[in-house]
């Protein structure tokens, strides 16, 4: 996947279109990511020791990885990412607009 935990991303589609946030979890096998403060849903929870009152809580739901785009720290815009192979054989993600490396 081209999106990793800790990346700042821009939302392309859906009810939270044009918002941005940080990726808190990557669900690679499902092709989804969870972004903090985006795609908030309400969930009913039963009372437990951790939450004795129970009730309705708000939490971030997963978004398909095709609906987000990484924000480049160099040019500060949402960009497509490319892969660059270094001389030692390792791969790194790079911005397709400015060419700078995108670190986690």
N, C-alpha and C. Protein backbone atom coordinates (compact mmCIF):
# COMPACT_ATOMS: atom_id res chain seq x y z
N UNK A 1 0.84 -1.19 0.00
CA UNK A 1 0.00 0.00 0.00
C UNK A 1 0.88 1.24 0.00
N UNK A 2 0.40 2.27 -0.65
CA UNK A 2 1.15 3.52 -0.73
C UNK A 2 0.86 4.46 0.43
N UNK A 3 -0.11 4.09 1.27
CA UNK A 3 -0.45 4.91 2.44
C UNK A 3 -0.02 4.14 3.68
N UNK A 4 0.65 4.84 4.60
CA UNK A 4 1.14 4.19 5.81
C UNK A 4 0.63 4.92 7.05
N UNK A 5 0.72 4.26 8.19
CA UNK A 5 0.29 4.84 9.45
C UNK A 5 1.12 6.09 9.72
N UNK A 6 0.44 7.17 10.11
CA UNK A 6 1.13 8.42 10.41
C UNK A 6 1.15 9.40 9.25
N UNK A 7 0.77 8.96 8.06
CA UNK A 7 0.72 9.86 6.90
C UNK A 7 -0.41 10.86 7.05
N UNK A 8 -0.20 12.07 6.57
CA UNK A 8 -1.27 13.05 6.50
C UNK A 8 -1.92 12.87 5.14
N UNK A 9 -3.25 12.70 5.12
CA UNK A 9 -3.95 12.41 3.87
C UNK A 9 -5.09 13.39 3.64
N UNK A 10 -5.49 13.51 2.37
CA UNK A 10 -6.57 14.37 1.92
C UNK A 10 -7.68 13.45 1.43
N UNK A 11 -8.93 13.72 1.84
CA UNK A 11 -10.08 12.89 1.46
C UNK A 11 -10.62 13.37 0.12
N UNK A 12 -10.73 12.46 -0.85
CA UNK A 12 -11.15 12.82 -2.21
C UNK A 12 -12.66 12.72 -2.42
N UNK A 13 -13.33 11.75 -1.78
CA UNK A 13 -14.76 11.54 -2.03
C UNK A 13 -15.49 11.27 -0.72
N UNK A 14 -16.81 11.30 -0.80
CA UNK A 14 -17.64 10.96 0.35
C UNK A 14 -18.11 12.19 1.10
N UNK A 15 -18.74 11.95 2.25
CA UNK A 15 -19.33 13.04 3.02
C UNK A 15 -18.28 13.97 3.60
N UNK A 16 -17.05 13.49 3.78
CA UNK A 16 -15.97 14.30 4.34
C UNK A 16 -14.99 14.77 3.27
N UNK A 17 -15.45 14.88 2.03
CA UNK A 17 -14.61 15.32 0.92
C UNK A 17 -13.95 16.66 1.25
N UNK A 18 -12.70 16.82 0.87
CA UNK A 18 -11.86 18.01 1.03
C UNK A 18 -11.38 18.22 2.47
N UNK A 19 -11.57 17.24 3.35
CA UNK A 19 -11.00 17.31 4.69
C UNK A 19 -9.66 16.57 4.68
N UNK A 20 -8.86 16.82 5.71
CA UNK A 20 -7.60 16.09 5.81
C UNK A 20 -7.42 15.61 7.25
N UNK A 21 -6.58 14.61 7.41
CA UNK A 21 -6.32 14.07 8.73
C UNK A 21 -5.15 13.11 8.69
N UNK A 22 -4.82 12.54 9.83
CA UNK A 22 -3.70 11.63 9.95
C UNK A 22 -4.21 10.19 10.00
N UNK A 23 -3.53 9.31 9.29
CA UNK A 23 -3.90 7.90 9.28
C UNK A 23 -3.52 7.27 10.62
N UNK A 24 -4.51 6.70 11.32
CA UNK A 24 -4.23 6.07 12.60
C UNK A 24 -4.08 4.56 12.49
N UNK A 25 -4.67 3.97 11.45
CA UNK A 25 -4.58 2.52 11.29
C UNK A 25 -4.74 2.17 9.81
N UNK A 26 -3.99 1.18 9.35
CA UNK A 26 -4.08 0.70 7.98
C UNK A 26 -4.58 -0.73 8.01
N UNK A 27 -5.66 -0.99 7.28
CA UNK A 27 -6.22 -2.34 7.16
C UNK A 27 -5.86 -2.85 5.77
N UNK A 28 -4.64 -3.35 5.61
CA UNK A 28 -4.10 -3.71 4.29
C UNK A 28 -4.89 -4.83 3.62
N UNK A 29 -5.31 -5.82 4.39
CA UNK A 29 -6.02 -6.96 3.79
C UNK A 29 -7.38 -6.55 3.22
N UNK A 30 -7.98 -5.49 3.77
CA UNK A 30 -9.27 -4.99 3.28
C UNK A 30 -9.11 -3.81 2.33
N UNK A 31 -7.91 -3.24 2.25
CA UNK A 31 -7.67 -2.09 1.38
C UNK A 31 -8.30 -0.82 1.93
N UNK A 32 -8.30 -0.67 3.27
CA UNK A 32 -8.92 0.49 3.89
C UNK A 32 -7.99 1.13 4.90
N UNK A 33 -8.26 2.40 5.22
CA UNK A 33 -7.51 3.12 6.24
C UNK A 33 -8.49 3.81 7.18
N UNK A 34 -8.04 4.03 8.42
CA UNK A 34 -8.84 4.79 9.39
C UNK A 34 -8.12 6.11 9.62
N UNK A 35 -8.83 7.22 9.36
CA UNK A 35 -8.26 8.56 9.48
C UNK A 35 -8.90 9.25 10.68
N UNK A 36 -8.06 9.85 11.54
CA UNK A 36 -8.56 10.52 12.74
C UNK A 36 -9.46 11.69 12.38
N UNK A 37 -10.65 11.74 13.00
CA UNK A 37 -11.56 12.86 12.84
C UNK A 37 -12.32 12.90 11.53
N UNK A 38 -12.25 11.84 10.75
CA UNK A 38 -12.92 11.81 9.44
C UNK A 38 -13.78 10.55 9.37
N UNK A 39 -14.93 10.64 8.68
CA UNK A 39 -15.87 9.53 8.53
C UNK A 39 -16.35 9.04 9.90
N UNK A 40 -16.81 9.99 10.71
CA UNK A 40 -17.30 9.69 12.06
C UNK A 40 -18.68 9.03 11.97
N UNK A 41 -18.83 7.92 12.68
CA UNK A 41 -20.12 7.24 12.74
C UNK A 41 -20.50 7.07 14.21
N UNK A 42 -21.80 6.94 14.47
CA UNK A 42 -22.28 6.73 15.83
C UNK A 42 -22.55 5.25 16.01
N UNK A 43 -22.12 4.72 17.15
CA UNK A 43 -22.28 3.31 17.43
C UNK A 43 -22.88 3.14 18.81
N UNK A 44 -23.85 2.25 18.93
CA UNK A 44 -24.47 1.96 20.21
C UNK A 44 -23.66 0.88 20.91
N UNK A 45 -23.28 1.15 22.17
CA UNK A 45 -22.49 0.18 22.92
C UNK A 45 -23.24 -0.22 24.19
N UNK A 46 -23.08 -1.47 24.52
CA UNK A 46 -23.69 -2.01 25.73
C UNK A 46 -22.79 -1.68 26.92
N UNK A 47 -23.34 -1.55 28.09
CA UNK A 47 -22.56 -1.26 29.27
C UNK A 47 -21.57 -2.36 29.59
N UNK A 48 -20.38 -1.98 30.05
CA UNK A 48 -19.35 -2.93 30.42
C UNK A 48 -18.54 -2.33 31.56
N UNK A 49 -17.50 -3.04 32.03
CA UNK A 49 -16.65 -2.49 33.09
C UNK A 49 -15.93 -1.24 32.60
N UNK A 50 -15.49 -1.28 31.36
CA UNK A 50 -14.77 -0.14 30.79
C UNK A 50 -15.71 1.06 30.60
N UNK A 51 -16.92 0.78 30.15
CA UNK A 51 -17.91 1.82 29.89
C UNK A 51 -19.21 1.42 30.60
N UNK A 52 -19.33 1.67 31.92
CA UNK A 52 -20.48 1.16 32.67
C UNK A 52 -21.82 1.77 32.25
N UNK A 53 -21.80 2.99 31.74
CA UNK A 53 -23.04 3.65 31.35
C UNK A 53 -23.58 3.09 30.05
N UNK A 54 -22.69 2.73 29.11
CA UNK A 54 -23.15 2.32 27.79
C UNK A 54 -23.57 3.55 27.01
N UNK A 55 -24.38 3.38 25.99
CA UNK A 55 -24.90 4.51 25.24
C UNK A 55 -24.36 4.59 23.83
N UNK A 56 -24.35 5.81 23.29
CA UNK A 56 -23.94 6.04 21.91
C UNK A 56 -22.56 6.70 21.92
N UNK A 57 -21.62 6.10 21.18
CA UNK A 57 -20.28 6.69 21.06
C UNK A 57 -20.02 7.03 19.59
N UNK A 58 -19.10 7.96 19.36
CA UNK A 58 -18.70 8.31 18.00
C UNK A 58 -17.30 7.78 17.76
N UNK A 59 -17.11 7.17 16.59
CA UNK A 59 -15.80 6.64 16.25
C UNK A 59 -15.55 6.79 14.75
N UNK A 60 -14.28 6.74 14.36
CA UNK A 60 -13.91 6.86 12.96
C UNK A 60 -14.07 5.50 12.28
N UNK A 61 -14.75 5.51 11.13
CA UNK A 61 -14.95 4.28 10.36
C UNK A 61 -13.90 4.22 9.24
N UNK A 62 -13.62 3.02 8.73
CA UNK A 62 -12.63 2.88 7.66
C UNK A 62 -13.08 3.53 6.36
N UNK A 63 -12.09 4.01 5.60
CA UNK A 63 -12.30 4.60 4.27
C UNK A 63 -11.47 3.80 3.28
N UNK A 64 -12.00 3.57 2.10
CA UNK A 64 -11.25 2.86 1.07
C UNK A 64 -10.00 3.65 0.72
N UNK A 65 -8.89 2.96 0.56
CA UNK A 65 -7.61 3.63 0.31
C UNK A 65 -7.61 4.39 -1.02
N UNK A 66 -8.48 4.01 -1.95
CA UNK A 66 -8.56 4.72 -3.23
C UNK A 66 -9.21 6.10 -3.08
N UNK A 67 -9.84 6.36 -1.94
CA UNK A 67 -10.52 7.64 -1.72
C UNK A 67 -9.68 8.63 -0.93
N UNK A 68 -8.41 8.31 -0.67
CA UNK A 68 -7.52 9.24 0.02
C UNK A 68 -6.26 9.44 -0.80
N UNK A 69 -5.62 10.59 -0.57
CA UNK A 69 -4.38 10.90 -1.27
C UNK A 69 -3.40 11.50 -0.27
N UNK A 70 -2.15 11.07 -0.33
CA UNK A 70 -1.13 11.52 0.61
C UNK A 70 -0.81 12.99 0.37
N UNK A 71 -0.62 13.75 1.46
CA UNK A 71 -0.20 15.16 1.37
C UNK A 71 1.32 15.18 1.48
N UNK A 72 1.97 15.73 0.46
CA UNK A 72 3.44 15.80 0.43
C UNK A 72 3.92 16.85 1.42
N UNK A 73 4.89 16.51 2.29
CA UNK A 73 5.41 17.50 3.22
C UNK A 73 6.24 18.59 2.53
N UNK A 74 6.77 18.29 1.34
CA UNK A 74 7.58 19.26 0.62
C UNK A 74 6.76 20.35 -0.05
N UNK A 75 5.80 19.96 -0.90
CA UNK A 75 5.00 20.95 -1.63
C UNK A 75 3.67 21.23 -0.94
N UNK A 76 3.33 20.50 0.13
CA UNK A 76 2.13 20.71 0.94
C UNK A 76 0.84 20.62 0.12
N UNK A 77 0.80 19.69 -0.84
CA UNK A 77 -0.38 19.46 -1.65
C UNK A 77 -0.66 17.96 -1.67
N UNK A 78 -1.92 17.60 -2.00
CA UNK A 78 -2.23 16.17 -2.13
C UNK A 78 -1.66 15.70 -3.46
N UNK A 79 -0.92 14.59 -3.41
CA UNK A 79 -0.19 14.13 -4.58
C UNK A 79 -0.30 12.62 -4.75
N UNK A 80 -0.02 12.17 -5.97
CA UNK A 80 0.16 10.75 -6.20
C UNK A 80 1.59 10.42 -5.77
N UNK A 81 1.77 9.21 -5.29
CA UNK A 81 3.10 8.82 -4.86
C UNK A 81 3.69 7.82 -5.83
N UNK A 82 4.99 7.85 -5.95
CA UNK A 82 5.70 6.91 -6.79
C UNK A 82 6.72 6.17 -5.95
N UNK A 83 7.30 5.13 -6.51
CA UNK A 83 8.32 4.37 -5.81
C UNK A 83 9.64 4.57 -6.54
N UNK A 84 10.70 4.77 -5.75
CA UNK A 84 12.03 4.96 -6.30
C UNK A 84 12.93 3.91 -5.68
N UNK A 85 13.70 3.21 -6.51
CA UNK A 85 14.61 2.18 -6.01
C UNK A 85 15.98 2.83 -5.81
N UNK A 86 16.50 2.70 -4.60
CA UNK A 86 17.82 3.25 -4.29
C UNK A 86 18.91 2.29 -4.76
N UNK A 87 20.16 2.76 -4.73
CA UNK A 87 21.28 1.95 -5.19
C UNK A 87 21.48 0.70 -4.34
N UNK A 88 21.14 0.77 -3.06
CA UNK A 88 21.31 -0.39 -2.18
C UNK A 88 20.15 -1.38 -2.30
N UNK A 89 19.16 -1.11 -3.17
CA UNK A 89 18.06 -2.03 -3.41
C UNK A 89 16.80 -1.72 -2.63
N UNK A 90 16.87 -0.77 -1.70
CA UNK A 90 15.68 -0.42 -0.91
C UNK A 90 14.77 0.51 -1.74
N UNK A 91 13.48 0.47 -1.41
CA UNK A 91 12.50 1.32 -2.10
C UNK A 91 12.07 2.44 -1.17
N UNK A 92 11.77 3.59 -1.74
CA UNK A 92 11.23 4.71 -0.95
C UNK A 92 10.10 5.36 -1.74
N UNK A 93 9.17 5.94 -1.00
CA UNK A 93 8.06 6.65 -1.64
C UNK A 93 8.50 8.08 -1.97
N UNK A 94 8.12 8.55 -3.15
CA UNK A 94 8.47 9.91 -3.55
C UNK A 94 7.23 10.61 -4.08
N UNK A 95 7.24 11.94 -3.99
CA UNK A 95 6.17 12.78 -4.51
C UNK A 95 6.33 12.87 -6.02
N UNK A 96 5.23 12.72 -6.76
CA UNK A 96 5.30 12.80 -8.21
C UNK A 96 5.37 14.23 -8.71
N UNK A 97 5.02 15.21 -7.86
CA UNK A 97 5.08 16.61 -8.27
C UNK A 97 6.46 17.22 -8.06
N UNK A 98 6.98 17.10 -6.84
CA UNK A 98 8.27 17.76 -6.53
C UNK A 98 9.43 16.79 -6.48
N UNK A 99 9.18 15.49 -6.39
CA UNK A 99 10.25 14.50 -6.38
C UNK A 99 10.88 14.23 -5.03
N UNK A 100 10.40 14.88 -3.97
CA UNK A 100 10.98 14.69 -2.64
C UNK A 100 10.49 13.37 -2.04
N UNK A 101 11.32 12.84 -1.14
CA UNK A 101 10.98 11.60 -0.46
C UNK A 101 9.88 11.86 0.57
N UNK A 102 8.93 10.92 0.68
CA UNK A 102 7.85 11.01 1.66
C UNK A 102 8.20 10.04 2.78
N UNK A 103 8.52 10.60 3.95
CA UNK A 103 8.88 9.76 5.10
C UNK A 103 7.66 9.61 6.00
N UNK A 104 7.68 8.55 6.82
CA UNK A 104 6.58 8.33 7.76
C UNK A 104 6.68 9.25 8.93
